[in-house]
Amino acid sequence: MPDTVETTDIAALRAALGGRAVVLVGMMGSGKSSVGKRLAARLGLPFVDADTEIETAAGMTIPEIFAQRGEAEFRDGERRVIARVLSTRAPLVLATGGGAFMNPETRARIAELGVSLWLKAELDVLMRRVRKRANRPLLKTPDPEGTMRRLLAEREPVYAEADVTVISRDDPHEVVVSDTLAALGDYLHRTNAS
């Protein structure tokens, strides 16, 4: 019986979402890609990782883009890729890079074509996760934790503008996905009722 209820809930959630995208925002290490893939599977939607799309469009990795072209050119490409994906491929679940939501044009496009969902994680959780991967250009500093702390201070007020906030913690991904589905359902119910 629970599967039937869940299927009905998912169907209702999909109907409420309509043609909009679910756009995951938040810091590097917050789980946007790993939660996003599972969320997309549960919703029966395609999953797109903006970073992968950017690398494909540029023909190089993100660390290479940062090294050869700089952060400003990377951010401009990121803005264009996210706009293209949202306008041509929604509905879908889109995981964005940590800095993407800082761009006012990107925030406006997400608001127009999607529902923004902030995966919020504490500093210690983020640091544990990002230390596992060496491909974080913004953390190639003598003090990665200090850099992360500074980025959190700059970005969290902007992330807080997202439509939905879900805490990303060190629980199994499926727990965070369930929390995400519940929060998304609550948001869509409130906004569609008003």
Protein backbone atom coordinates (compact mmCIF):
# COMPACT_ATOMS: atom_id res chain seq x y z
CA MET A 1 0.00 0.00 0.00
CA PRO A 2 2.74 2.58 0.77
CA ASP A 3 4.01 2.30 -2.82
CA THR A 4 0.54 3.27 -4.12
CA VAL A 5 0.39 6.29 -1.82
CA GLU A 6 3.90 7.30 -2.79
CA THR A 7 3.12 6.87 -6.50
CA THR A 8 0.03 9.05 -6.06
CA ASP A 9 2.07 11.65 -4.17
CA ILE A 10 4.74 11.65 -6.88
CA ALA A 11 2.08 11.96 -9.58
CA ALA A 12 0.50 14.90 -7.71
CA LEU A 13 3.91 16.49 -7.23
CA ARG A 14 4.74 16.12 -10.94
CA ALA A 15 1.36 17.61 -11.88
CA ALA A 16 1.91 20.56 -9.52
CA LEU A 17 5.39 21.09 -10.92
CA GLY A 18 4.04 21.23 -14.47
CA GLY A 19 6.73 22.08 -17.00
CA ARG A 20 9.05 23.67 -14.42
CA ALA A 21 12.49 22.42 -13.48
CA VAL A 22 13.64 21.60 -9.96
CA VAL A 23 16.91 23.50 -9.64
CA LEU A 24 19.27 22.50 -6.83
CA VAL A 25 21.48 25.29 -5.49
CA GLY A 26 23.98 25.41 -2.65
CA MET A 27 27.63 25.13 -1.79
CA MET A 28 30.04 22.66 -3.33
CA GLY A 29 29.75 19.48 -1.30
CA SER A 30 26.10 20.07 -0.35
CA GLY A 31 25.01 17.02 -2.37
CA LYS A 32 23.36 18.68 -5.36
CA SER A 33 24.52 16.02 -7.85
CA SER A 34 24.10 12.92 -5.68
CA VAL A 35 20.73 14.02 -4.27
CA GLY A 36 19.69 15.42 -7.65
CA LYS A 37 20.19 12.10 -9.46
CA ARG A 38 18.10 10.26 -6.90
CA LEU A 39 15.45 12.99 -6.81
CA ALA A 40 15.15 12.90 -10.61
CA ALA A 41 14.76 9.11 -10.53
CA ARG A 42 12.00 9.34 -7.90
CA LEU A 43 10.20 12.05 -9.90
CA GLY A 44 10.69 10.24 -13.21
CA LEU A 45 12.46 13.29 -14.66
CA PRO A 46 15.77 13.65 -16.48
CA PHE A 47 18.76 14.76 -14.40
CA VAL A 48 21.25 17.30 -15.70
CA ASP A 49 24.42 18.43 -13.96
CA ALA A 50 25.26 21.99 -15.08
CA ASP A 51 28.99 21.42 -14.52
CA THR A 52 28.95 18.45 -16.92
CA GLU A 53 27.06 20.52 -19.50
CA ILE A 54 29.60 23.35 -19.14
CA GLU A 55 32.52 20.96 -19.60
CA THR A 56 30.88 19.48 -22.70
CA ALA A 57 30.19 22.93 -24.19
CA ALA A 58 33.73 24.16 -23.46
CA GLY A 59 35.50 20.93 -24.41
CA MET A 60 37.54 21.07 -21.19
CA THR A 61 37.19 20.40 -17.48
CA ILE A 62 36.12 23.08 -15.04
CA PRO A 63 39.61 23.25 -13.46
CA GLU A 64 41.01 23.77 -16.99
CA ILE A 65 38.47 26.50 -17.72
CA PHE A 66 39.41 28.29 -14.48
CA ALA A 67 43.14 27.92 -15.23
CA GLN A 68 43.04 28.91 -18.90
CA ARG A 69 40.14 31.36 -19.09
CA GLY A 70 39.54 32.54 -15.53
CA GLU A 71 36.54 32.53 -13.24
CA ALA A 72 34.73 35.42 -15.00
CA GLU A 73 34.61 33.54 -18.32
CA PHE A 74 33.58 30.35 -16.53
CA ARG A 75 30.70 32.19 -14.80
CA ASP A 76 29.53 33.68 -18.09
CA GLY A 77 29.50 30.23 -19.71
CA GLU A 78 27.72 28.82 -16.67
CA ARG A 79 25.00 31.46 -16.98
CA ARG A 80 24.47 30.72 -20.68
CA VAL A 81 24.42 26.93 -20.21
CA ILE A 82 21.90 27.07 -17.35
CA ALA A 83 19.62 29.41 -19.35
CA ARG A 84 19.78 27.06 -22.35
CA VAL A 85 19.10 23.92 -20.31
CA LEU A 86 16.15 25.50 -18.49
CA SER A 87 14.55 26.91 -21.62
CA THR A 88 14.97 23.82 -23.81
CA ARG A 89 14.89 20.77 -21.53
CA ALA A 90 12.49 21.39 -18.61
CA PRO A 91 10.89 19.70 -16.82
CA LEU A 92 14.01 18.18 -15.29
CA VAL A 93 16.12 18.19 -12.14
CA LEU A 94 19.14 20.48 -12.58
CA ALA A 95 22.14 20.53 -10.23
CA THR A 96 23.98 23.85 -10.47
CA GLY A 97 27.50 24.80 -9.44
CA GLY A 98 27.98 26.49 -6.08
CA GLY A 99 28.36 29.98 -7.54
CA ALA A 100 25.64 29.80 -10.21
CA PHE A 101 22.83 31.19 -8.03
CA MET A 102 24.93 34.28 -7.26
CA ASN A 103 24.25 35.57 -10.79
CA PRO A 104 21.09 37.74 -10.82
CA GLU A 105 20.24 36.72 -14.41
CA THR A 106 20.50 33.05 -13.47
CA ARG A 107 18.31 33.56 -10.39
CA ALA A 108 15.71 35.33 -12.56
CA ARG A 109 15.75 32.54 -15.16
CA ILE A 110 15.40 29.89 -12.44
CA ALA A 111 12.48 31.82 -10.89
CA GLU A 112 10.82 32.03 -14.32
CA LEU A 113 11.27 28.39 -15.37
CA GLY A 114 11.82 26.42 -12.19
CA VAL A 115 11.63 25.93 -8.47
CA SER A 116 14.88 26.68 -6.65
CA LEU A 117 15.83 24.30 -3.88
CA TRP A 118 18.73 25.12 -1.54
CA LEU A 119 20.56 22.11 -0.13
CA LYS A 120 21.96 23.72 3.01
CA ALA A 121 24.85 22.05 4.81
CA GLU A 122 27.03 23.02 7.75
CA LEU A 123 30.70 23.90 7.24
CA ASP A 124 32.04 20.69 8.81
CA VAL A 125 29.80 18.55 6.57
CA LEU A 126 30.88 20.48 3.47
CA MET A 127 34.59 20.23 4.34
CA ARG A 128 34.37 16.47 4.96
CA ARG A 129 32.77 16.02 1.56
CA VAL A 130 34.93 18.36 -0.54
CA ARG A 131 38.17 16.92 0.83
CA LYS A 132 37.29 13.69 -1.02
CA ARG A 133 37.71 15.39 -4.41
CA ALA A 134 40.63 17.48 -5.62
CA ASN A 135 38.81 19.18 -8.50
CA ARG A 136 37.52 22.27 -6.67
CA PRO A 137 39.28 25.29 -8.24
CA LEU A 138 38.03 27.76 -5.60
CA LEU A 139 39.57 25.63 -2.84
CA LYS A 140 43.07 25.56 -4.36
CA THR A 141 44.25 27.93 -1.62
CA PRO A 142 46.57 27.65 1.38
CA ASP A 143 43.46 27.73 3.63
CA PRO A 144 40.58 25.80 2.01
CA GLU A 145 38.48 25.90 5.18
CA GLY A 146 38.92 29.67 5.49
CA THR A 147 37.94 30.01 1.83
CA MET A 148 34.87 27.84 2.36
CA ARG A 149 33.91 29.88 5.44
CA ARG A 150 34.20 33.12 3.40
CA LEU A 151 32.17 31.66 0.51
CA LEU A 152 29.45 30.52 2.92
CA ALA A 153 29.24 34.02 4.43
CA GLU A 154 28.94 35.58 0.97
CA ARG A 155 26.56 33.04 -0.55
CA GLU A 156 24.17 31.95 2.19
CA PRO A 157 22.12 35.20 2.14
CA VAL A 158 21.58 34.68 -1.61
CA TYR A 159 20.88 30.95 -1.28
CA ALA A 160 18.26 31.91 1.32
CA GLU A 161 16.25 33.48 -1.54
CA ALA A 162 15.58 29.97 -2.90
CA ASP A 163 11.97 28.80 -2.94
CA VAL A 164 12.69 25.75 -0.77
CA THR A 165 15.42 24.94 1.78
CA VAL A 166 16.38 21.39 2.77
CA ILE A 167 19.12 20.49 5.25
CA SER A 168 21.77 18.27 3.70
CA ARG A 169 23.36 16.23 6.47
CA ASP A 170 25.34 13.04 6.82
CA ASP A 171 22.32 10.75 6.57
CA PRO A 172 21.85 8.31 3.70
CA HIS A 173 21.05 10.13 0.46
CA GLU A 174 17.57 8.58 0.39
CA VAL A 175 16.70 10.35 3.67
CA VAL A 176 17.66 13.72 2.19
CA VAL A 177 15.76 12.87 -1.02
CA SER A 178 12.64 12.06 1.03
CA ASP A 179 13.03 15.34 2.93
CA THR A 180 13.44 17.11 -0.42
CA LEU A 181 10.29 15.54 -1.88
CA ALA A 182 8.29 16.50 1.22
CA ALA A 183 9.56 20.10 1.20
CA LEU A 184 8.97 20.42 -2.53
CA GLY A 185 5.44 19.04 -2.14
CA ASP A 186 4.69 21.49 0.69
CA TYR A 187 5.99 24.42 -1.38
CA LEU A 188 4.02 23.45 -4.50
CA HIS A 189 0.86 22.90 -2.46
CA ARG A 190 1.19 26.36 -0.83
CA THR A 191 2.00 28.22 -4.05
CA ASN A 192 -0.57 26.44 -6.21
CA ALA A 193 -3.28 27.00 -3.55
CA SER A 194 -2.67 30.75 -3.44
